[in-house]
Full PDB file with SEQRES, HELIX, SHEET, SSBOND, CRYST1, ORIGX, SCALE, CONECT and MASTER records, all heavy atoms in Angstrom:
SEQRES   1 A   37  ARG ARG VAL TYR ALA THR PRO GLU ALA VAL ALA ALA ALA          
SEQRES   2 A   37  ALA ASP SER ILE VAL HIS ILE GLY ARG SER SER ALA GLU          
SEQRES   3 A   37  ALA HIS ASP GLU GLU TRP PRO GLN ALA ASP ALA                  
HELIX    1 AA1 PRO A    7  ILE A   20  1                                  14    
CRYST1    1.000    1.000    1.000  90.00  90.00  90.00 P 1           1          
ORIGX1      1.000000  0.000000  0.000000        0.00000                         
ORIGX2      0.000000  1.000000  0.000000        0.00000                         
ORIGX3      0.000000  0.000000  1.000000        0.00000                         
SCALE1      1.000000  0.000000  0.000000        0.00000                         
SCALE2      0.000000  1.000000  0.000000        0.00000                         
SCALE3      0.000000  0.000000  1.000000        0.00000                         
ATOM      1  N   ARG A   1     -12.098 -15.595  69.806  1.00  0.00           N  
ATOM      2  CA  ARG A   1     -11.113 -15.591  70.889  1.00  0.00           C  
ATOM      3  C   ARG A   1      -9.801 -15.075  70.309  1.00  0.00           C  
ATOM      4  O   ARG A   1      -9.317 -15.586  69.314  1.00  0.00           O  
ATOM      5  CB  ARG A   1     -10.944 -17.011  71.423  1.00  0.00           C  
ATOM      6  CG  ARG A   1      -9.993 -17.072  72.577  1.00  0.00           C  
ATOM      7  CD  ARG A   1     -10.024 -18.471  73.188  1.00  0.00           C  
ATOM      8  NE  ARG A   1      -8.916 -18.620  74.065  1.00  0.00           N  
ATOM      9  CZ  ARG A   1      -7.872 -19.401  73.832  1.00  0.00           C  
ATOM     10  NH1 ARG A   1      -7.844 -20.145  72.758  1.00  0.00           N  
ATOM     11  NH2 ARG A   1      -6.886 -19.465  74.679  1.00  0.00           N  
ATOM     12  N   ARG A   2      -9.255 -14.056  70.927  1.00  0.00           N  
ATOM     13  CA  ARG A   2      -8.005 -13.473  70.436  1.00  0.00           C  
ATOM     14  C   ARG A   2      -6.835 -14.082  71.183  1.00  0.00           C  
ATOM     15  O   ARG A   2      -6.705 -13.916  72.387  1.00  0.00           O  
ATOM     16  CB  ARG A   2      -8.009 -11.964  70.638  1.00  0.00           C  
ATOM     17  CG  ARG A   2      -9.068 -11.275  69.813  1.00  0.00           C  
ATOM     18  CD  ARG A   2      -9.127  -9.827  70.159  1.00  0.00           C  
ATOM     19  NE  ARG A   2      -9.609  -9.675  71.528  1.00  0.00           N  
ATOM     20  CZ  ARG A   2     -10.120  -8.564  72.032  1.00  0.00           C  
ATOM     21  NH1 ARG A   2     -10.184  -7.503  71.314  1.00  0.00           N  
ATOM     22  NH2 ARG A   2     -10.545  -8.521  73.265  1.00  0.00           N  
ATOM     23  N   VAL A   3      -5.996 -14.786  70.453  1.00  0.00           N  
ATOM     24  CA  VAL A   3      -4.791 -15.380  71.020  1.00  0.00           C  
ATOM     25  C   VAL A   3      -3.607 -14.772  70.290  1.00  0.00           C  
ATOM     26  O   VAL A   3      -3.570 -14.769  69.067  1.00  0.00           O  
ATOM     27  CB  VAL A   3      -4.792 -16.911  70.853  1.00  0.00           C  
ATOM     28  CG1 VAL A   3      -3.499 -17.504  71.376  1.00  0.00           C  
ATOM     29  CG2 VAL A   3      -5.977 -17.518  71.560  1.00  0.00           C  
ATOM     30  N   TYR A   4      -2.674 -14.240  71.039  1.00  0.00           N  
ATOM     31  CA  TYR A   4      -1.507 -13.609  70.460  1.00  0.00           C  
ATOM     32  C   TYR A   4      -0.283 -14.476  70.732  1.00  0.00           C  
ATOM     33  O   TYR A   4       0.143 -14.638  71.868  1.00  0.00           O  
ATOM     34  CB  TYR A   4      -1.305 -12.206  71.027  1.00  0.00           C  
ATOM     35  CG  TYR A   4      -2.488 -11.317  70.695  1.00  0.00           C  
ATOM     36  CD1 TYR A   4      -3.511 -11.109  71.603  1.00  0.00           C  
ATOM     37  CD2 TYR A   4      -2.576 -10.737  69.445  1.00  0.00           C  
ATOM     38  CE1 TYR A   4      -4.603 -10.320  71.278  1.00  0.00           C  
ATOM     39  CE2 TYR A   4      -3.665  -9.945  69.111  1.00  0.00           C  
ATOM     40  CZ  TYR A   4      -4.669  -9.746  70.035  1.00  0.00           C  
ATOM     41  OH  TYR A   4      -5.746  -8.974  69.705  1.00  0.00           O  
ATOM     42  N   ALA A   5       0.266 -15.012  69.658  1.00  0.00           N  
ATOM     43  CA  ALA A   5       1.433 -15.887  69.772  1.00  0.00           C  
ATOM     44  C   ALA A   5       2.674 -15.079  70.120  1.00  0.00           C  
ATOM     45  O   ALA A   5       2.731 -13.866  69.894  1.00  0.00           O  
ATOM     46  CB  ALA A   5       1.652 -16.620  68.453  1.00  0.00           C  
ATOM     47  N   THR A   6       3.671 -15.778  70.622  1.00  0.00           N  
ATOM     48  CA  THR A   6       4.957 -15.134  70.911  1.00  0.00           C  
ATOM     49  C   THR A   6       5.611 -14.737  69.584  1.00  0.00           C  
ATOM     50  O   THR A   6       5.322 -15.323  68.536  1.00  0.00           O  
ATOM     51  CB  THR A   6       5.891 -16.078  71.664  1.00  0.00           C  
ATOM     52  OG1 THR A   6       6.168 -17.209  70.830  1.00  0.00           O  
ATOM     53  CG2 THR A   6       5.291 -16.529  72.981  1.00  0.00           C  
ATOM     54  N   PRO A   7       6.500 -13.752  69.610  1.00  0.00           N  
ATOM     55  CA  PRO A   7       7.203 -13.379  68.375  1.00  0.00           C  
ATOM     56  C   PRO A   7       7.947 -14.555  67.749  1.00  0.00           C  
ATOM     57  O   PRO A   7       8.007 -14.682  66.526  1.00  0.00           O  
ATOM     58  CB  PRO A   7       8.173 -12.284  68.835  1.00  0.00           C  
ATOM     59  CG  PRO A   7       7.508 -11.680  70.035  1.00  0.00           C  
ATOM     60  CD  PRO A   7       6.826 -12.846  70.714  1.00  0.00           C  
ATOM     61  N   GLU A   8       8.481 -15.441  68.570  1.00  0.00           N  
ATOM     62  CA  GLU A   8       9.188 -16.609  68.051  1.00  0.00           C  
ATOM     63  C   GLU A   8       8.249 -17.538  67.286  1.00  0.00           C  
ATOM     64  O   GLU A   8       8.612 -18.073  66.228  1.00  0.00           O  
ATOM     65  CB  GLU A   8       9.871 -17.366  69.199  1.00  0.00           C  
ATOM     66  CG  GLU A   8      10.978 -16.592  69.894  1.00  0.00           C  
ATOM     67  CD  GLU A   8      10.469 -15.579  70.924  1.00  0.00           C  
ATOM     68  OE1 GLU A   8       9.296 -15.630  71.324  1.00  0.00           O  
ATOM     69  OE2 GLU A   8      11.268 -14.718  71.323  1.00  0.00           O  
ATOM     70  N   ALA A   9       7.043 -17.725  67.794  1.00  0.00           N  
ATOM     71  CA  ALA A   9       6.068 -18.582  67.121  1.00  0.00           C  
ATOM     72  C   ALA A   9       5.607 -17.950  65.804  1.00  0.00           C  
ATOM     73  O   ALA A   9       5.426 -18.648  64.803  1.00  0.00           O  
ATOM     74  CB  ALA A   9       4.867 -18.850  68.029  1.00  0.00           C  
ATOM     75  N   VAL A  10       5.443 -16.632  65.793  1.00  0.00           N  
ATOM     76  CA  VAL A  10       5.055 -15.932  64.563  1.00  0.00           C  
ATOM     77  C   VAL A  10       6.169 -16.068  63.527  1.00  0.00           C  
ATOM     78  O   VAL A  10       5.917 -16.353  62.349  1.00  0.00           O  
ATOM     79  CB  VAL A  10       4.740 -14.452  64.851  1.00  0.00           C  
ATOM     80  CG1 VAL A  10       4.519 -13.679  63.554  1.00  0.00           C  
ATOM     81  CG2 VAL A  10       3.525 -14.343  65.758  1.00  0.00           C  
ATOM     82  N   ALA A  11       7.416 -15.885  63.952  1.00  0.00           N  
ATOM     83  CA  ALA A  11       8.547 -16.007  63.035  1.00  0.00           C  
ATOM     84  C   ALA A  11       8.651 -17.429  62.482  1.00  0.00           C  
ATOM     85  O   ALA A  11       8.926 -17.612  61.289  1.00  0.00           O  
ATOM     86  CB  ALA A  11       9.849 -15.619  63.744  1.00  0.00           C  
ATOM     87  N   ALA A  12       8.431 -18.430  63.318  1.00  0.00           N  
ATOM     88  CA  ALA A  12       8.486 -19.822  62.856  1.00  0.00           C  
ATOM     89  C   ALA A  12       7.385 -20.100  61.838  1.00  0.00           C  
ATOM     90  O   ALA A  12       7.620 -20.778  60.828  1.00  0.00           O  
ATOM     91  CB  ALA A  12       8.372 -20.778  64.043  1.00  0.00           C  
ATOM     92  N   ALA A  13       6.188 -19.573  62.073  1.00  0.00           N  
ATOM     93  CA  ALA A  13       5.085 -19.755  61.124  1.00  0.00           C  
ATOM     94  C   ALA A  13       5.402 -19.055  59.802  1.00  0.00           C  
ATOM     95  O   ALA A  13       5.168 -19.619  58.727  1.00  0.00           O  
ATOM     96  CB  ALA A  13       3.786 -19.223  61.725  1.00  0.00           C  
ATOM     97  N   ALA A  14       5.936 -17.850  59.868  1.00  0.00           N  
ATOM     98  CA  ALA A  14       6.289 -17.121  58.653  1.00  0.00           C  
ATOM     99  C   ALA A  14       7.372 -17.859  57.875  1.00  0.00           C  
ATOM    100  O   ALA A  14       7.292 -17.980  56.644  1.00  0.00           O  
ATOM    101  CB  ALA A  14       6.753 -15.706  59.000  1.00  0.00           C  
ATOM    102  N   ASP A  15       8.360 -18.370  58.567  1.00  0.00           N  
ATOM    103  CA  ASP A  15       9.429 -19.137  57.926  1.00  0.00           C  
ATOM    104  C   ASP A  15       8.860 -20.363  57.222  1.00  0.00           C  
ATOM    105  O   ASP A  15       9.228 -20.667  56.085  1.00  0.00           O  
ATOM    106  CB  ASP A  15      10.476 -19.547  58.968  1.00  0.00           C  
ATOM    107  CG  ASP A  15      11.670 -20.220  58.335  1.00  0.00           C  
ATOM    108  OD1 ASP A  15      12.388 -19.542  57.570  1.00  0.00           O  
ATOM    109  OD2 ASP A  15      11.878 -21.423  58.598  1.00  0.00           O  
ATOM    110  N   SER A  16       7.951 -21.038  57.870  1.00  0.00           N  
ATOM    111  CA  SER A  16       7.320 -22.223  57.285  1.00  0.00           C  
ATOM    112  C   SER A  16       6.526 -21.855  56.033  1.00  0.00           C  
ATOM    113  O   SER A  16       6.589 -22.554  55.020  1.00  0.00           O  
ATOM    114  CB  SER A  16       6.419 -22.878  58.329  1.00  0.00           C  
ATOM    115  OG  SER A  16       5.791 -24.015  57.803  1.00  0.00           O  
ATOM    116  N   ILE A  17       5.788 -20.754  56.086  1.00  0.00           N  
ATOM    117  CA  ILE A  17       5.008 -20.314  54.922  1.00  0.00           C  
ATOM    118  C   ILE A  17       5.932 -19.986  53.751  1.00  0.00           C  
ATOM    119  O   ILE A  17       5.669 -20.363  52.610  1.00  0.00           O  
ATOM    120  CB  ILE A  17       4.121 -19.109  55.290  1.00  0.00           C  
ATOM    121  CG1 ILE A  17       3.007 -19.565  56.228  1.00  0.00           C  
ATOM    122  CG2 ILE A  17       3.541 -18.456  54.036  1.00  0.00           C  
ATOM    123  CD1 ILE A  17       2.232 -18.432  56.871  1.00  0.00           C  
ATOM    124  N   VAL A  18       7.031 -19.300  54.036  1.00  0.00           N  
ATOM    125  CA  VAL A  18       7.967 -18.916  52.979  1.00  0.00           C  
ATOM    126  C   VAL A  18       8.631 -20.141  52.363  1.00  0.00           C  
ATOM    127  O   VAL A  18       8.767 -20.248  51.145  1.00  0.00           O  
ATOM    128  CB  VAL A  18       9.034 -17.933  53.519  1.00  0.00           C  
ATOM    129  CG1 VAL A  18      10.187 -17.765  52.543  1.00  0.00           C  
ATOM    130  CG2 VAL A  18       8.395 -16.592  53.833  1.00  0.00           C  
ATOM    131  N   HIS A  19       9.031 -21.096  53.197  1.00  0.00           N  
ATOM    132  CA  HIS A  19       9.811 -22.231  52.692  1.00  0.00           C  
ATOM    133  C   HIS A  19       8.987 -23.397  52.177  1.00  0.00           C  
ATOM    134  O   HIS A  19       9.420 -24.084  51.257  1.00  0.00           O  
ATOM    135  CB  HIS A  19      10.804 -22.692  53.763  1.00  0.00           C  
ATOM    136  CG  HIS A  19      11.921 -21.713  53.947  1.00  0.00           C  
ATOM    137  ND1 HIS A  19      11.908 -20.771  54.948  1.00  0.00           N  
ATOM    138  CD2 HIS A  19      13.048 -21.500  53.239  1.00  0.00           C  
ATOM    139  CE1 HIS A  19      13.003 -20.035  54.852  1.00  0.00           C  
ATOM    140  NE2 HIS A  19      13.702 -20.449  53.820  1.00  0.00           N  
ATOM    141  N   ILE A  20       7.822 -23.655  52.748  1.00  0.00           N  
ATOM    142  CA  ILE A  20       7.039 -24.811  52.276  1.00  0.00           C  
ATOM    143  C   ILE A  20       5.645 -24.415  51.787  1.00  0.00           C  
ATOM    144  O   ILE A  20       4.870 -25.266  51.374  1.00  0.00           O  
ATOM    145  CB  ILE A  20       6.938 -25.931  53.330  1.00  0.00           C  
ATOM    146  CG1 ILE A  20       6.191 -25.464  54.577  1.00  0.00           C  
ATOM    147  CG2 ILE A  20       8.312 -26.453  53.695  1.00  0.00           C  
ATOM    148  CD1 ILE A  20       5.903 -26.575  55.569  1.00  0.00           C  
ATOM    149  N   GLY A  21       5.329 -23.135  51.833  1.00  0.00           N  
ATOM    150  CA  GLY A  21       4.068 -22.658  51.287  1.00  0.00           C  
ATOM    151  C   GLY A  21       2.869 -22.786  52.207  1.00  0.00           C  
ATOM    152  O   GLY A  21       1.748 -22.489  51.821  1.00  0.00           O  
ATOM    153  N   ARG A  22       3.072 -23.225  53.422  1.00  0.00           N  
ATOM    154  CA  ARG A  22       1.978 -23.316  54.399  1.00  0.00           C  
ATOM    155  C   ARG A  22       2.566 -23.307  55.794  1.00  0.00           C  
ATOM    156  O   ARG A  22       3.738 -23.609  55.986  1.00  0.00           O  
ATOM    157  CB  ARG A  22       1.131 -24.558  54.191  1.00  0.00           C  
ATOM    158  CG  ARG A  22       1.889 -25.855  54.339  1.00  0.00           C  
ATOM    159  CD  ARG A  22       0.989 -27.052  54.023  1.00  0.00           C  
ATOM    160  NE  ARG A  22       1.772 -28.257  53.926  1.00  0.00           N  
ATOM    161  CZ  ARG A  22       2.195 -28.986  54.960  1.00  0.00           C  
ATOM    162  NH1 ARG A  22       1.903 -28.611  56.182  1.00  0.00           N  
ATOM    163  NH2 ARG A  22       2.904 -30.069  54.783  1.00  0.00           N  
ATOM    164  N   SER A  23       1.742 -22.988  56.758  1.00  0.00           N  
ATOM    165  CA  SER A  23       2.222 -23.008  58.141  1.00  0.00           C  
ATOM    166  C   SER A  23       2.072 -24.417  58.689  1.00  0.00           C  
ATOM    167  O   SER A  23       1.285 -25.214  58.188  1.00  0.00           O  
ATOM    168  CB  SER A  23       1.454 -22.007  59.007  1.00  0.00           C  
ATOM    169  OG  SER A  23       0.098 -22.352  59.058  1.00  0.00           O  
ATOM    170  N   SER A  24       2.820 -24.705  59.706  1.00  0.00           N  
ATOM    171  CA  SER A  24       2.731 -26.030  60.320  1.00  0.00           C  
ATOM    172  C   SER A  24       1.406 -26.158  61.056  1.00  0.00           C  
ATOM    173  O   SER A  24       0.800 -25.172  61.455  1.00  0.00           O  
ATOM    174  CB  SER A  24       3.894 -26.259  61.283  1.00  0.00           C  
ATOM    175  OG  SER A  24       3.793 -25.370  62.366  1.00  0.00           O  
ATOM    176  N   ALA A  25       0.964 -27.371  61.231  1.00  0.00           N  
ATOM    177  CA  ALA A  25      -0.312 -27.617  61.900  1.00  0.00           C  
ATOM    178  C   ALA A  25      -0.154 -27.690  63.421  1.00  0.00           C  
ATOM    179  O   ALA A  25      -1.139 -27.837  64.122  1.00  0.00           O  
ATOM    180  CB  ALA A  25      -0.919 -28.912  61.376  1.00  0.00           C  
ATOM    181  N   GLU A  26       1.067 -27.567  63.894  1.00  0.00           N  
ATOM    182  CA  GLU A  26       1.276 -27.699  65.339  1.00  0.00           C  
ATOM    183  C   GLU A  26       0.694 -26.507  66.093  1.00  0.00           C  
ATOM    184  O   GLU A  26       0.752 -25.371  65.642  1.00  0.00           O  
ATOM    185  CB  GLU A  26       2.754 -27.894  65.658  1.00  0.00           C  
ATOM    186  CG  GLU A  26       3.532 -26.642  65.916  1.00  0.00           C  
ATOM    187  CD  GLU A  26       5.000 -26.899  66.195  1.00  0.00           C  
ATOM    188  OE1 GLU A  26       5.623 -27.699  65.476  1.00  0.00           O  
ATOM    189  OE2 GLU A  26       5.517 -26.275  67.135  1.00  0.00           O  
ATOM    190  N   ALA A  27       0.103 -26.802  67.222  1.00  0.00           N  
ATOM    191  CA  ALA A  27      -0.493 -25.759  68.059  1.00  0.00           C  
ATOM    192  C   ALA A  27       0.572 -25.148  68.961  1.00  0.00           C  
ATOM    193  O   ALA A  27       1.499 -25.820  69.389  1.00  0.00           O  
ATOM    194  CB  ALA A  27      -1.613 -26.333  68.899  1.00  0.00           C  
ATOM    195  N   HIS A  28       0.430 -23.872  69.238  1.00  0.00           N  
ATOM    196  CA  HIS A  28       1.363 -23.181  70.134  1.00  0.00           C  
ATOM    197  C   HIS A  28       0.605 -22.820  71.399  1.00  0.00           C  
ATOM    198  O   HIS A  28      -0.387 -22.102  71.350  1.00  0.00           O  
ATOM    199  CB  HIS A  28       1.917 -21.928  69.455  1.00  0.00           C  
ATOM    200  CG  HIS A  28       2.670 -22.233  68.201  1.00  0.00           C  
ATOM    201  ND1 HIS A  28       3.954 -22.719  68.207  1.00  0.00           N  
ATOM    202  CD2 HIS A  28       2.306 -22.156  66.905  1.00  0.00           C  
ATOM    203  CE1 HIS A  28       4.352 -22.916  66.969  1.00  0.00           C  
ATOM    204  NE2 HIS A  28       3.365 -22.584  66.157  1.00  0.00           N  
ATOM    205  N   ASP A  29       1.076 -23.335  72.509  1.00  0.00           N  
ATOM    206  CA  ASP A  29       0.394 -23.116  73.781  1.00  0.00           C  
ATOM    207  C   ASP A  29       0.812 -21.821  74.460  1.00  0.00           C  
ATOM    208  O   ASP A  29       0.070 -21.283  75.267  1.00  0.00           O  
ATOM    209  CB  ASP A  29       0.650 -24.283  74.733  1.00  0.00           C  
ATOM    210  CG  ASP A  29       0.025 -25.566  74.232  1.00  0.00           C  
ATOM    211  OD1 ASP A  29      -1.023 -25.490  73.555  1.00  0.00           O  
ATOM    212  OD2 ASP A  29       0.577 -26.634  74.519  1.00  0.00           O  
ATOM    213  N   GLU A  30       1.991 -21.339  74.141  1.00  0.00           N  
ATOM    214  CA  GLU A  30       2.500 -20.157  74.824  1.00  0.00           C  
ATOM    215  C   GLU A  30       1.943 -18.899  74.174  1.00  0.00           C  
ATOM    216  O   GLU A  30       1.927 -18.754  72.957  1.00  0.00           O  
ATOM    217  CB  GLU A  30       4.027 -20.140  74.756  1.00  0.00           C  
ATOM    218  CG  GLU A  30       4.648 -19.049  75.583  1.00  0.00           C  
ATOM    219  CD  GLU A  30       6.171 -19.099  75.540  1.00  0.00           C  
ATOM    220  OE1 GLU A  30       6.735 -20.045  74.991  1.00  0.00           O  
ATOM    221  OE2 GLU A  30       6.765 -18.163  76.077  1.00  0.00           O  
ATOM    222  N   GLU A  31       1.468 -17.962  75.002  1.00  0.00           N  
ATOM    223  CA  GLU A  31       0.949 -16.703  74.495  1.00  0.00           C  
ATOM    224  C   GLU A  31       1.928 -15.587  74.836  1.00  0.00           C  
ATOM    225  O   GLU A  31       2.632 -15.643  75.839  1.00  0.00           O  
ATOM    226  CB  GLU A  31      -0.430 -16.406  75.085  1.00  0.00           C  
ATOM    227  CG  GLU A  31      -1.059 -15.191  74.457  1.00  0.00           C  
ATOM    228  CD  GLU A  31      -2.498 -14.999  74.876  1.00  0.00           C  
ATOM    229  OE1 GLU A  31      -2.753 -14.900  76.086  1.00  0.00           O  
ATOM    230  OE2 GLU A  31      -3.354 -14.934  74.001  1.00  0.00           O  
ATOM    231  N   TRP A  32       1.949 -14.590  73.994  1.00  0.00           N  
ATOM    232  CA  TRP A  32       2.812 -13.442  74.188  1.00  0.00           C  
ATOM    233  C   TRP A  32       2.494 -12.774  75.517  1.00  0.00           C  
ATOM    234  O   TRP A  32       1.323 -12.534  75.845  1.00  0.00           O  
ATOM    235  CB  TRP A  32       2.582 -12.483  73.024  1.00  0.00           C  
ATOM    236  CG  TRP A  32       3.451 -11.278  72.970  1.00  0.00           C  
ATOM    237  CD1 TRP A  32       4.796 -11.201  73.169  1.00  0.00           C  
ATOM    238  CD2 TRP A  32       3.030  -9.959  72.661  1.00  0.00           C  
ATOM    239  NE1 TRP A  32       5.236  -9.923  73.014  1.00  0.00           N  
ATOM    240  CE2 TRP A  32       4.162  -9.127  72.691  1.00  0.00           C  
ATOM    241  CE3 TRP A  32       1.806  -9.391  72.360  1.00  0.00           C  
ATOM    242  CZ2 TRP A  32       4.122  -7.771  72.434  1.00  0.00           C  
ATOM    243  CZ3 TRP A  32       1.758  -8.032  72.102  1.00  0.00           C  
ATOM    244  CH2 TRP A  32       2.899  -7.235  72.140  1.00  0.00           C  
ATOM    245  N   PRO A  33       3.494 -12.457  76.335  1.00  0.00           N  
ATOM    246  CA  PRO A  33       3.250 -11.860  77.648  1.00  0.00           C  
ATOM    247  C   PRO A  33       2.496 -10.521  77.606  1.00  0.00           C  
ATOM    248  O   PRO A  33       1.839 -10.147  78.574  1.00  0.00           O  
ATOM    249  CB  PRO A  33       4.656 -11.656  78.236  1.00  0.00           C  
ATOM    250  CG  PRO A  33       5.510 -12.649  77.543  1.00  0.00           C  
ATOM    251  CD  PRO A  33       4.929 -12.774  76.156  1.00  0.00           C  
ATOM    252  N   GLN A  34       2.546  -9.794  76.507  1.00  0.00           N  
ATOM    253  CA  GLN A  34       1.870  -8.497  76.399  1.00  0.00           C  
ATOM    254  C   GLN A  34       0.436  -8.626  75.868  1.00  0.00           C  
ATOM    255  O   GLN A  34      -0.235  -7.616  75.626  1.00  0.00           O  
ATOM    256  CB  GLN A  34       2.665  -7.573  75.484  1.00  0.00           C  
ATOM    257  CG  GLN A  34       4.084  -7.329  75.955  1.00  0.00           C  
ATOM    258  CD  GLN A  34       4.132  -6.689  77.325  1.00  0.00           C  
ATOM    259  OE1 GLN A  34       3.334  -5.817  77.634  1.00  0.00           O  
ATOM    260  NE2 GLN A  34       5.056  -7.103  78.144  1.00  0.00           N  
ATOM    261  N   ALA A  35      -0.059  -9.844  75.704  1.00  0.00           N  
ATOM    262  CA  ALA A  35      -1.374 -10.066  75.110  1.00  0.00           C  
ATOM    263  C   ALA A  35      -2.504  -9.376  75.887  1.00  0.00           C  
ATOM    264  O   ALA A  35      -3.417  -8.806  75.282  1.00  0.00           O  
ATOM    265  CB  ALA A  35      -1.658 -11.556  74.986  1.00  0.00           C  
ATOM    266  N   ASP A  36      -2.452  -9.421  77.190  1.00  0.00           N  
ATOM    267  CA  ASP A  36      -3.516  -8.783  77.985  1.00  0.00           C  
ATOM    268  C   ASP A  36      -3.567  -7.275  77.758  1.00  0.00           C  
ATOM    269  O   ASP A  36      -4.649  -6.684  77.685  1.00  0.00           O  
ATOM    270  CB  ASP A  36      -3.344  -9.090  79.473  1.00  0.00           C  
ATOM    271  CG  ASP A  36      -3.682 -10.529  79.806  1.00  0.00           C  
ATOM    272  OD1 ASP A  36      -4.437 -11.165  79.040  1.00  0.00           O  
ATOM    273  OD2 ASP A  36      -3.192 -11.020  80.840  1.00  0.00           O  
ATOM    274  N   ALA A  37      -2.405  -6.642  77.612  1.00  0.00           N  
ATOM    275  CA  ALA A  37      -2.370  -5.200  77.350  1.00  0.00           C  
ATOM    276  C   ALA A  37      -2.951  -4.890  75.971  1.00  0.00           C  
ATOM    277  O   ALA A  37      -3.661  -3.890  75.798  1.00  0.00           O  
ATOM    278  CB  ALA A  37      -0.937  -4.679  77.440  1.00  0.00           C  
TER     279      ALA A  37                                                      
MASTER        0    0    0    1    0    0    0    6  278    1    0    3          
END                                                                             
C-alpha cells in the first residue's frame, strides 16, 4: 500500500532521524493531497 505523507510529516521524520537517530513511532493519518496523482 503506497501512502504518501505530507511534506511536513516527512520533514519531522527527517529531523527526528538526524537528532535522535530514529524516526518517531507515531502514525501520521494525513496524506499528501497530490498522492492520487
